[in-house]
Amino acid sequence: MSREPDQDGMQRYRAVFISDVHLGTRGCQSRLVLDFLKRVDADTIYLVGDIVDAWRLKQGWYWPQEHNDVVQKLLRKVRKHARVVYIPGNHDEFLRDYYGVHFGGVEVMETTIHEGVDGRRYLVVHGDAFDLVVRHAKWLALFGDWAYDFALWVNTYLNHARRALGLTYWSLSQWAKLKVKHAVNFIGDFENALVTEAKKQGVDGIICGHIHHAAIRDIQGVRYMNCGDWVESCTALAETYDGEFILLSWPLQEEVSTTPVRIVEAEAA
C-alpha cells in the first residue's frame, strides 16, 4: 500500500524510477517534474534515460530556467542523502562515455540491478537497445522523433480548444499508440524483447522507459515495468516501503494536485 504524505507534505518511497523527461525540448513538462520532485522523495532515485534530450539540443538550443531548476532539484536530493542513479538512454547517449563516473554525486551506469524488499531482482535499463529502429535505422528514429514533436505541437493547440470548451486533456500521440496497428505491435514486440533479456540475465523482472508507455505487467512469468514519460503522461514508477510497485501519474492540469494519483493496471499473462 502506498504511504500517505508525511506532515511535511512529502510522499516517501523506497525507490522512484523516472524516465523520458526530455529536458531541452519544448514538450518537456518541467513545471510538473519540479512539482513532483518537491512533493515526492525516495531513498533511491533511478533516472532511467532520456532525462536530457541532446538530439533536440543539437538542432537548436532550448534550456529555460525551469529545466535548470529540475537539474538543481535532483542534485539537492543527493545532498540530502538520496542515492541518484542515472542510466543514459538514446537521447542522452553522450553520457555513455562516462559509465562509473559521479557527477555531483549522481552515479552514471549502463544498467543496474534493483533488489526489492522481498529480495526479487529487477534489471534497470532504458530500453533503446531493444528497439530495432534505434539500433539499425537511426535516421528513421530521428524522423519518428520529429513526427512525435509535430504531434505534440498539434496537441497543444487542440487542447487549448478543448479547455475553452470545458473538456479534459486528450493526447493525440497516446491515442495513436493504442489505436494504430503498427504502434500496438511495436509496443508488444518491445515488451517481449525486454522480457527475453530478463530471462537471459536470470532476474525476476525488468524496469525500463523509452517508449513513453507506462505499464506494470506480468509477461511469461517476468514482471515488466515501464516508467512512462514526462512529456505527456507524466508518470513514474515507485516501490513502497512494504515492497509494492505502483505507478504514479501527476495530473495534467493548470492547478497541480498536492498528491500523486495512483494508477492500478490489470496484469496480463
C-alpha atoms as a PDB file:
ATOM      1  CA  MET A   1       0.000   0.000   0.000  1.00  0.00           C
ATOM      2  CA  SER A   2       1.316   3.485  -0.820  1.00  0.00           C
ATOM      3  CA  ARG A   3       2.056   5.755   2.107  1.00  0.00           C
ATOM      4  CA  GLU A   4       0.088   8.844   2.955  1.00  0.00           C
ATOM      5  CA  PRO A   5       2.001  12.139   2.768  1.00  0.00           C
ATOM      6  CA  ASP A   6       4.079  12.907   5.874  1.00  0.00           C
ATOM      7  CA  GLN A   7       3.459  16.001   7.961  1.00  0.00           C
ATOM      8  CA  ASP A   8       5.858  17.990   5.780  1.00  0.00           C
ATOM      9  CA  GLY A   9       3.714  17.153   2.737  1.00  0.00           C
ATOM     10  CA  MET A  10       6.294  14.785   1.210  1.00  0.00           C
ATOM     11  CA  GLN A  11       5.262  11.400  -0.111  1.00  0.00           C
ATOM     12  CA  ARG A  12       8.130   8.991   0.551  1.00  0.00           C
ATOM     13  CA  TYR A  13       9.053   5.751  -1.183  1.00  0.00           C
ATOM     14  CA  ARG A  14      11.830   3.229  -1.009  1.00  0.00           C
ATOM     15  CA  ALA A  15      12.661   3.828  -4.684  1.00  0.00           C
ATOM     16  CA  VAL A  16      11.371   6.003  -7.512  1.00  0.00           C
ATOM     17  CA  PHE A  17      12.059   5.428 -11.220  1.00  0.00           C
ATOM     18  CA  ILE A  18      11.745   8.342 -13.676  1.00  0.00           C
ATOM     19  CA  SER A  19      12.400   8.226 -17.420  1.00  0.00           C
ATOM     20  CA  ASP A  20      11.974  10.278 -20.584  1.00  0.00           C
ATOM     21  CA  VAL A  21      11.847  13.779 -19.121  1.00  0.00           C
ATOM     22  CA  HIS A  22      13.396  15.247 -22.305  1.00  0.00           C
ATOM     23  CA  LEU A  23      14.864  18.387 -20.769  1.00  0.00           C
ATOM     24  CA  GLY A  24      15.878  20.703 -23.606  1.00  0.00           C
ATOM     25  CA  THR A  25      12.633  20.298 -25.541  1.00  0.00           C
ATOM     26  CA  ARG A  26       9.524  22.455 -25.591  1.00  0.00           C
ATOM     27  CA  GLY A  27       7.401  19.372 -24.944  1.00  0.00           C
ATOM     28  CA  CYS A  28       9.009  18.697 -21.556  1.00  0.00           C
ATOM     29  CA  GLN A  29       6.548  19.185 -18.694  1.00  0.00           C
ATOM     30  CA  SER A  30       9.267  20.693 -16.494  1.00  0.00           C
ATOM     31  CA  ARG A  31       6.790  22.516 -14.237  1.00  0.00           C
ATOM     32  CA  LEU A  32       5.144  19.215 -13.367  1.00  0.00           C
ATOM     33  CA  VAL A  33       8.517  17.459 -12.949  1.00  0.00           C
ATOM     34  CA  LEU A  34       9.519  20.124 -10.435  1.00  0.00           C
ATOM     35  CA  ASP A  35       6.251  19.809  -8.563  1.00  0.00           C
ATOM     36  CA  PHE A  36       6.675  16.033  -8.453  1.00  0.00           C
ATOM     37  CA  LEU A  37      10.228  16.290  -7.097  1.00  0.00           C
ATOM     38  CA  LYS A  38       9.118  18.814  -4.470  1.00  0.00           C
ATOM     39  CA  ARG A  39       6.391  16.501  -3.186  1.00  0.00           C
ATOM     40  CA  VAL A  40       7.916  13.029  -3.672  1.00  0.00           C
ATOM     41  CA  ASP A  41      11.079  11.690  -2.054  1.00  0.00           C
ATOM     42  CA  ALA A  42      12.841   8.334  -2.115  1.00  0.00           C
ATOM     43  CA  ASP A  43      15.881   6.573  -0.674  1.00  0.00           C
ATOM     44  CA  THR A  44      16.982   5.812  -4.247  1.00  0.00           C
ATOM     45  CA  ILE A  45      16.015   7.699  -7.394  1.00  0.00           C
ATOM     46  CA  TYR A  46      16.693   5.999 -10.714  1.00  0.00           C
ATOM     47  CA  LEU A  47      16.854   8.242 -13.795  1.00  0.00           C
ATOM     48  CA  VAL A  48      16.056   5.679 -16.490  1.00  0.00           C
ATOM     49  CA  GLY A  49      17.289   7.512 -19.575  1.00  0.00           C
ATOM     50  CA  ASP A  50      16.349  10.379 -21.892  1.00  0.00           C
ATOM     51  CA  ILE A  51      16.374  12.829 -18.993  1.00  0.00           C
ATOM     52  CA  VAL A  52      18.183  15.336 -21.226  1.00  0.00           C
ATOM     53  CA  ASP A  53      17.394  15.418 -24.961  1.00  0.00           C
ATOM     54  CA  ALA A  54      20.750  16.024 -26.677  1.00  0.00           C
ATOM     55  CA  TRP A  55      19.222  15.177 -30.079  1.00  0.00           C
ATOM     56  CA  ARG A  56      16.964  18.223 -29.848  1.00  0.00           C
ATOM     57  CA  LEU A  57      19.630  20.465 -28.297  1.00  0.00           C
ATOM     58  CA  LYS A  58      21.943  19.781 -31.246  1.00  0.00           C
ATOM     59  CA  GLN A  59      19.275  21.137 -33.590  1.00  0.00           C
ATOM     60  CA  GLY A  60      18.683  24.303 -31.582  1.00  0.00           C
ATOM     61  CA  TRP A  61      19.429  25.350 -28.014  1.00  0.00           C
ATOM     62  CA  TYR A  62      16.408  25.480 -25.733  1.00  0.00           C
ATOM     63  CA  TRP A  63      17.089  25.468 -21.997  1.00  0.00           C
ATOM     64  CA  PRO A  64      14.807  27.691 -19.902  1.00  0.00           C
ATOM     65  CA  GLN A  65      15.417  28.289 -16.202  1.00  0.00           C
ATOM     66  CA  GLU A  66      12.786  25.699 -15.265  1.00  0.00           C
ATOM     67  CA  HIS A  67      14.878  22.955 -16.911  1.00  0.00           C
ATOM     68  CA  ASN A  68      17.919  24.077 -14.946  1.00  0.00           C
ATOM     69  CA  ASP A  69      15.769  24.030 -11.792  1.00  0.00           C
ATOM     70  CA  VAL A  70      14.974  20.332 -12.396  1.00  0.00           C
ATOM     71  CA  VAL A  71      18.707  19.515 -12.515  1.00  0.00           C
ATOM     72  CA  GLN A  72      19.361  21.545  -9.381  1.00  0.00           C
ATOM     73  CA  LYS A  73      16.482  19.847  -7.570  1.00  0.00           C
ATOM     74  CA  LEU A  74      17.923  16.404  -8.341  1.00  0.00           C
ATOM     75  CA  LEU A  75      21.360  17.489  -7.110  1.00  0.00           C
ATOM     76  CA  ARG A  76      19.708  18.782  -3.940  1.00  0.00           C
ATOM     77  CA  LYS A  77      18.206  15.310  -3.420  1.00  0.00           C
ATOM     78  CA  VAL A  78      21.754  13.901  -3.485  1.00  0.00           C
ATOM     79  CA  ARG A  79      22.902  16.452  -0.909  1.00  0.00           C
ATOM     80  CA  LYS A  80      20.015  15.337   1.285  1.00  0.00           C
ATOM     81  CA  HIS A  81      21.419  11.777   1.128  1.00  0.00           C
ATOM     82  CA  ALA A  82      19.258  10.218  -1.591  1.00  0.00           C
ATOM     83  CA  ARG A  83      21.097   7.881  -3.915  1.00  0.00           C
ATOM     84  CA  VAL A  84      20.601   9.002  -7.543  1.00  0.00           C
ATOM     85  CA  VAL A  85      21.498   6.608 -10.382  1.00  0.00           C
ATOM     86  CA  TYR A  86      21.490   7.837 -13.999  1.00  0.00           C
ATOM     87  CA  ILE A  87      21.166   5.237 -16.764  1.00  0.00           C
ATOM     88  CA  PRO A  88      21.530   7.093 -20.093  1.00  0.00           C
ATOM     89  CA  GLY A  89      19.143   6.495 -22.981  1.00  0.00           C
ATOM     90  CA  ASN A  90      19.471   7.143 -26.692  1.00  0.00           C
ATOM     91  CA  HIS A  91      18.620  10.859 -26.423  1.00  0.00           C
ATOM     92  CA  ASP A  92      21.293  11.415 -23.753  1.00  0.00           C
ATOM     93  CA  GLU A  93      23.724   8.853 -25.157  1.00  0.00           C
ATOM     94  CA  PHE A  94      26.647  11.306 -24.764  1.00  0.00           C
ATOM     95  CA  LEU A  95      26.703  10.224 -21.104  1.00  0.00           C
ATOM     96  CA  ARG A  96      27.501   6.664 -22.141  1.00  0.00           C
ATOM     97  CA  ASP A  97      31.146   7.717 -22.304  1.00  0.00           C
ATOM     98  CA  TYR A  98      31.054   8.279 -18.541  1.00  0.00           C
ATOM     99  CA  TYR A  99      29.944   4.966 -17.045  1.00  0.00           C
ATOM    100  CA  GLY A 100      31.263   4.690 -13.500  1.00  0.00           C
ATOM    101  CA  VAL A 101      31.678   8.450 -13.118  1.00  0.00           C
ATOM    102  CA  HIS A 102      29.872  10.502 -10.467  1.00  0.00           C
ATOM    103  CA  PHE A 103      28.581  13.969 -11.369  1.00  0.00           C
ATOM    104  CA  GLY A 104      27.663  15.904  -8.240  1.00  0.00           C
ATOM    105  CA  GLY A 105      27.087  12.553  -6.536  1.00  0.00           C
ATOM    106  CA  VAL A 106      24.891  11.217  -9.353  1.00  0.00           C
ATOM    107  CA  GLU A 107      26.115   7.769 -10.447  1.00  0.00           C
ATOM    108  CA  VAL A 108      26.193   7.121 -14.211  1.00  0.00           C
ATOM    109  CA  MET A 109      25.705   3.430 -15.017  1.00  0.00           C
ATOM    110  CA  GLU A 110      24.974   1.379 -18.129  1.00  0.00           C
ATOM    111  CA  THR A 111      22.499  -0.839 -16.295  1.00  0.00           C
ATOM    112  CA  THR A 112      21.895  -1.807 -12.697  1.00  0.00           C
ATOM    113  CA  ILE A 113      20.013  -4.321 -10.591  1.00  0.00           C
ATOM    114  CA  HIS A 114      17.385  -3.083  -8.150  1.00  0.00           C
ATOM    115  CA  GLU A 115      16.598  -5.510  -5.334  1.00  0.00           C
ATOM    116  CA  GLY A 116      13.087  -5.229  -3.950  1.00  0.00           C
ATOM    117  CA  VAL A 117      12.066  -5.582  -0.313  1.00  0.00           C
ATOM    118  CA  ASP A 118      11.188  -9.227  -0.944  1.00  0.00           C
ATOM    119  CA  GLY A 119      14.600  -9.983  -2.469  1.00  0.00           C
ATOM    120  CA  ARG A 120      13.389 -10.114  -6.058  1.00  0.00           C
ATOM    121  CA  ARG A 121      15.869  -8.662  -8.539  1.00  0.00           C
ATOM    122  CA  TYR A 122      14.971  -6.254 -11.338  1.00  0.00           C
ATOM    123  CA  LEU A 123      17.212  -5.270 -14.241  1.00  0.00           C
ATOM    124  CA  VAL A 124      17.014  -1.500 -14.838  1.00  0.00           C
ATOM    125  CA  VAL A 125      17.695  -0.352 -18.429  1.00  0.00           C
ATOM    126  CA  HIS A 126      16.489   2.482 -20.641  1.00  0.00           C
ATOM    127  CA  GLY A 127      15.378   0.055 -23.351  1.00  0.00           C
ATOM    128  CA  ASP A 128      16.581   1.584 -26.626  1.00  0.00           C
ATOM    129  CA  ALA A 129      18.968  -1.340 -27.148  1.00  0.00           C
ATOM    130  CA  PHE A 130      15.856  -3.473 -27.726  1.00  0.00           C
ATOM    131  CA  ASP A 131      14.333  -1.061 -30.248  1.00  0.00           C
ATOM    132  CA  LEU A 132      15.359  -2.259 -33.728  1.00  0.00           C
ATOM    133  CA  VAL A 133      14.571   1.134 -35.272  1.00  0.00           C
ATOM    134  CA  VAL A 134      17.027   2.921 -32.966  1.00  0.00           C
ATOM    135  CA  ARG A 135      19.684   0.221 -33.354  1.00  0.00           C
ATOM    136  CA  HIS A 136      19.595  -0.283 -37.110  1.00  0.00           C
ATOM    137  CA  ALA A 137      17.924   2.782 -38.646  1.00  0.00           C
ATOM    138  CA  LYS A 138      18.766   5.850 -36.594  1.00  0.00           C
ATOM    139  CA  TRP A 139      17.634   8.156 -39.405  1.00  0.00           C
ATOM    140  CA  LEU A 140      14.161   6.635 -39.097  1.00  0.00           C
ATOM    141  CA  ALA A 141      14.242   7.121 -35.326  1.00  0.00           C
ATOM    142  CA  LEU A 142      15.136  10.784 -35.862  1.00  0.00           C
ATOM    143  CA  PHE A 143      12.253  11.120 -38.320  1.00  0.00           C
ATOM    144  CA  GLY A 144       9.933   9.499 -35.782  1.00  0.00           C
ATOM    145  CA  ASP A 145      11.219  11.950 -33.176  1.00  0.00           C
ATOM    146  CA  TRP A 146      10.311  14.848 -35.489  1.00  0.00           C
ATOM    147  CA  ALA A 147       6.860  13.353 -36.135  1.00  0.00           C
ATOM    148  CA  TYR A 148       6.304  12.965 -32.392  1.00  0.00           C
ATOM    149  CA  ASP A 149       7.228  16.600 -31.800  1.00  0.00           C
ATOM    150  CA  PHE A 150       4.800  17.616 -34.543  1.00  0.00           C
ATOM    151  CA  ALA A 151       2.041  15.587 -32.880  1.00  0.00           C
ATOM    152  CA  LEU A 152       2.793  17.361 -29.573  1.00  0.00           C
ATOM    153  CA  TRP A 153       2.587  20.743 -31.337  1.00  0.00           C
ATOM    154  CA  VAL A 154      -0.808  19.827 -32.796  1.00  0.00           C
ATOM    155  CA  ASN A 155      -1.840  18.502 -29.397  1.00  0.00           C
ATOM    156  CA  THR A 156      -1.041  21.827 -27.709  1.00  0.00           C
ATOM    157  CA  TYR A 157      -3.449  23.791 -29.881  1.00  0.00           C
ATOM    158  CA  LEU A 158      -6.049  21.029 -29.820  1.00  0.00           C
ATOM    159  CA  ASN A 159      -6.089  21.055 -26.019  1.00  0.00           C
ATOM    160  CA  HIS A 160      -6.279  24.848 -25.871  1.00  0.00           C
ATOM    161  CA  ALA A 161      -9.538  24.480 -27.787  1.00  0.00           C
ATOM    162  CA  ARG A 162     -10.698  21.596 -25.581  1.00  0.00           C
ATOM    163  CA  ARG A 163     -10.078  23.638 -22.411  1.00  0.00           C
ATOM    164  CA  ALA A 164     -12.049  26.551 -23.904  1.00  0.00           C
ATOM    165  CA  LEU A 165     -14.941  24.115 -24.362  1.00  0.00           C
ATOM    166  CA  GLY A 166     -14.600  22.800 -20.807  1.00  0.00           C
ATOM    167  CA  LEU A 167     -13.203  19.440 -21.930  1.00  0.00           C
ATOM    168  CA  THR A 168     -10.355  17.498 -20.310  1.00  0.00           C
ATOM    169  CA  TYR A 169      -6.831  16.894 -21.666  1.00  0.00           C
ATOM    170  CA  TRP A 170      -6.584  14.416 -24.552  1.00  0.00           C
ATOM    171  CA  SER A 171      -3.378  13.036 -26.080  1.00  0.00           C
ATOM    172  CA  LEU A 172      -3.216  12.581 -29.846  1.00  0.00           C
ATOM    173  CA  SER A 173       0.034  10.607 -29.808  1.00  0.00           C
ATOM    174  CA  GLN A 174      -1.042   8.314 -26.965  1.00  0.00           C
ATOM    175  CA  TRP A 175      -4.307   7.642 -28.761  1.00  0.00           C
ATOM    176  CA  ALA A 176      -2.319   6.746 -31.891  1.00  0.00           C
ATOM    177  CA  LYS A 177      -0.078   4.385 -29.922  1.00  0.00           C
ATOM    178  CA  LEU A 178      -3.086   2.437 -28.711  1.00  0.00           C
ATOM    179  CA  LYS A 179      -5.068   2.523 -31.968  1.00  0.00           C
ATOM    180  CA  VAL A 180      -2.569   2.286 -34.827  1.00  0.00           C
ATOM    181  CA  LYS A 181      -1.782  -1.364 -35.535  1.00  0.00           C
ATOM    182  CA  HIS A 182       1.954  -0.920 -36.138  1.00  0.00           C
ATOM    183  CA  ALA A 183       2.350   1.099 -32.932  1.00  0.00           C
ATOM    184  CA  VAL A 184       0.498  -1.538 -30.892  1.00  0.00           C
ATOM    185  CA  ASN A 185       2.648  -4.278 -32.435  1.00  0.00           C
ATOM    186  CA  PHE A 186       5.811  -2.285 -31.687  1.00  0.00           C
ATOM    187  CA  ILE A 187       4.902  -1.981 -28.003  1.00  0.00           C
ATOM    188  CA  GLY A 188       4.217  -5.723 -27.802  1.00  0.00           C
ATOM    189  CA  ASP A 189       7.483  -6.615 -29.551  1.00  0.00           C
ATOM    190  CA  PHE A 190       9.439  -4.236 -27.329  1.00  0.00           C
ATOM    191  CA  GLU A 191       7.973  -5.696 -24.142  1.00  0.00           C
ATOM    192  CA  ASN A 192       8.644  -9.273 -25.277  1.00  0.00           C
ATOM    193  CA  ALA A 193      12.261  -8.434 -26.181  1.00  0.00           C
ATOM    194  CA  LEU A 194      12.860  -6.997 -22.714  1.00  0.00           C
ATOM    195  CA  VAL A 195      11.229  -9.984 -21.034  1.00  0.00           C
ATOM    196  CA  THR A 196      13.538 -12.283 -23.037  1.00  0.00           C
ATOM    197  CA  GLU A 197      16.547 -10.275 -21.828  1.00  0.00           C
ATOM    198  CA  ALA A 198      15.366 -10.529 -18.223  1.00  0.00           C
ATOM    199  CA  LYS A 199      15.214 -14.303 -18.561  1.00  0.00           C
ATOM    200  CA  LYS A 200      18.746 -14.368 -20.017  1.00  0.00           C
ATOM    201  CA  GLN A 201      20.006 -12.291 -17.087  1.00  0.00           C
ATOM    202  CA  GLY A 202      18.268 -14.565 -14.579  1.00  0.00           C
ATOM    203  CA  VAL A 203      16.343 -11.742 -12.907  1.00  0.00           C
ATOM    204  CA  ASP A 204      12.744 -11.616 -11.732  1.00  0.00           C
ATOM    205  CA  GLY A 205      11.751  -8.529 -13.682  1.00  0.00           C
ATOM    206  CA  ILE A 206      12.809  -5.586 -15.785  1.00  0.00           C
ATOM    207  CA  ILE A 207      12.314  -1.827 -15.361  1.00  0.00           C
ATOM    208  CA  CYS A 208      12.628   0.468 -18.366  1.00  0.00           C
ATOM    209  CA  GLY A 209      11.397   3.560 -20.200  1.00  0.00           C
ATOM    210  CA  HIS A 210      11.958   4.594 -23.833  1.00  0.00           C
ATOM    211  CA  ILE A 211       8.531   4.017 -25.418  1.00  0.00           C
ATOM    212  CA  HIS A 212       6.582   6.565 -23.309  1.00  0.00           C
ATOM    213  CA  HIS A 213       4.027   3.943 -22.300  1.00  0.00           C
ATOM    214  CA  ALA A 214       3.726   3.280 -18.557  1.00  0.00           C
ATOM    215  CA  ALA A 215       2.862  -0.268 -17.533  1.00  0.00           C
ATOM    216  CA  ILE A 216       3.152  -2.908 -14.842  1.00  0.00           C
ATOM    217  CA  ARG A 217       2.563  -6.371 -16.249  1.00  0.00           C
ATOM    218  CA  ASP A 218       3.485  -9.987 -15.695  1.00  0.00           C
ATOM    219  CA  ILE A 219       4.617 -11.463 -19.028  1.00  0.00           C
ATOM    220  CA  GLN A 220       5.705 -15.094 -19.256  1.00  0.00           C
ATOM    221  CA  GLY A 221       6.443 -15.152 -15.528  1.00  0.00           C
ATOM    222  CA  VAL A 222       8.539 -11.966 -15.653  1.00  0.00           C
ATOM    223  CA  ARG A 223       7.463  -8.653 -14.123  1.00  0.00           C
ATOM    224  CA  TYR A 224       7.688  -5.957 -16.830  1.00  0.00           C
ATOM    225  CA  MET A 225       7.531  -2.355 -15.589  1.00  0.00           C
ATOM    226  CA  ASN A 226       7.787   0.807 -17.681  1.00  0.00           C
ATOM    227  CA  CYS A 227       8.113   4.255 -16.049  1.00  0.00           C
ATOM    228  CA  GLY A 228       6.278   6.112 -18.832  1.00  0.00           C
ATOM    229  CA  ASP A 229       7.372   9.692 -19.569  1.00  0.00           C
ATOM    230  CA  TRP A 230       7.257  13.376 -18.594  1.00  0.00           C
ATOM    231  CA  VAL A 231       6.194  14.786 -21.937  1.00  0.00           C
ATOM    232  CA  GLU A 232       2.564  13.683 -21.988  1.00  0.00           C
ATOM    233  CA  SER A 233       1.542  11.088 -19.412  1.00  0.00           C
ATOM    234  CA  CYS A 234       3.774  12.413 -16.581  1.00  0.00           C
ATOM    235  CA  THR A 235       4.188   9.089 -14.817  1.00  0.00           C
ATOM    236  CA  ALA A 236       6.767   7.499 -12.524  1.00  0.00           C
ATOM    237  CA  LEU A 237       7.241   4.060 -11.044  1.00  0.00           C
ATOM    238  CA  ALA A 238       7.640   3.748  -7.273  1.00  0.00           C
ATOM    239  CA  GLU A 239       8.377   0.982  -4.771  1.00  0.00           C
ATOM    240  CA  THR A 240       6.754   1.465  -1.380  1.00  0.00           C
ATOM    241  CA  TYR A 241       8.476   0.554   1.866  1.00  0.00           C
ATOM    242  CA  ASP A 242       6.435  -2.638   2.072  1.00  0.00           C
ATOM    243  CA  GLY A 243       7.633  -3.708  -1.375  1.00  0.00           C
ATOM    244  CA  GLU A 244       4.682  -2.899  -3.616  1.00  0.00           C
ATOM    245  CA  PHE A 245       5.402  -1.396  -7.052  1.00  0.00           C
ATOM    246  CA  ILE A 246       2.929   1.244  -8.200  1.00  0.00           C
ATOM    247  CA  LEU A 247       2.615   3.781 -10.994  1.00  0.00           C
ATOM    248  CA  LEU A 248       2.160   7.421 -10.073  1.00  0.00           C
ATOM    249  CA  SER A 249       0.523   9.811 -12.511  1.00  0.00           C
ATOM    250  CA  TRP A 250       0.985  13.540 -11.973  1.00  0.00           C
ATOM    251  CA  PRO A 251      -2.147  15.371 -13.146  1.00  0.00           C
ATOM    252  CA  LEU A 252      -2.001  17.286 -16.429  1.00  0.00           C
ATOM    253  CA  GLN A 253      -3.922  20.331 -15.336  1.00  0.00           C
ATOM    254  CA  GLU A 254      -3.375  24.013 -14.640  1.00  0.00           C
ATOM    255  CA  GLU A 255      -3.657  23.696 -10.860  1.00  0.00           C
ATOM    256  CA  VAL A 256      -1.273  20.933  -9.830  1.00  0.00           C
ATOM    257  CA  SER A 257      -2.574  18.444  -7.270  1.00  0.00           C
ATOM    258  CA  THR A 258      -0.794  18.175  -3.931  1.00  0.00           C
ATOM    259  CA  THR A 259      -0.528  14.391  -4.095  1.00  0.00           C
ATOM    260  CA  PRO A 260       0.074  11.955  -6.958  1.00  0.00           C
ATOM    261  CA  VAL A 261      -2.673   9.842  -8.446  1.00  0.00           C
ATOM    262  CA  ARG A 262      -2.060   6.132  -8.220  1.00  0.00           C
ATOM    263  CA  ILE A 263      -2.661   4.027 -11.317  1.00  0.00           C
ATOM    264  CA  VAL A 264      -3.523   0.360 -10.904  1.00  0.00           C
ATOM    265  CA  GLU A 265      -3.237  -1.550 -14.152  1.00  0.00           C
ATOM    266  CA  ALA A 266      -4.592  -5.032 -14.804  1.00  0.00           C
ATOM    267  CA  GLU A 267      -1.858  -7.611 -15.086  1.00  0.00           C
ATOM    268  CA  ALA A 268      -1.670  -9.696 -18.230  1.00  0.00           C
ATOM    269  CA  ALA A 269      -0.098 -13.100 -18.548  1.00  0.00           C
END
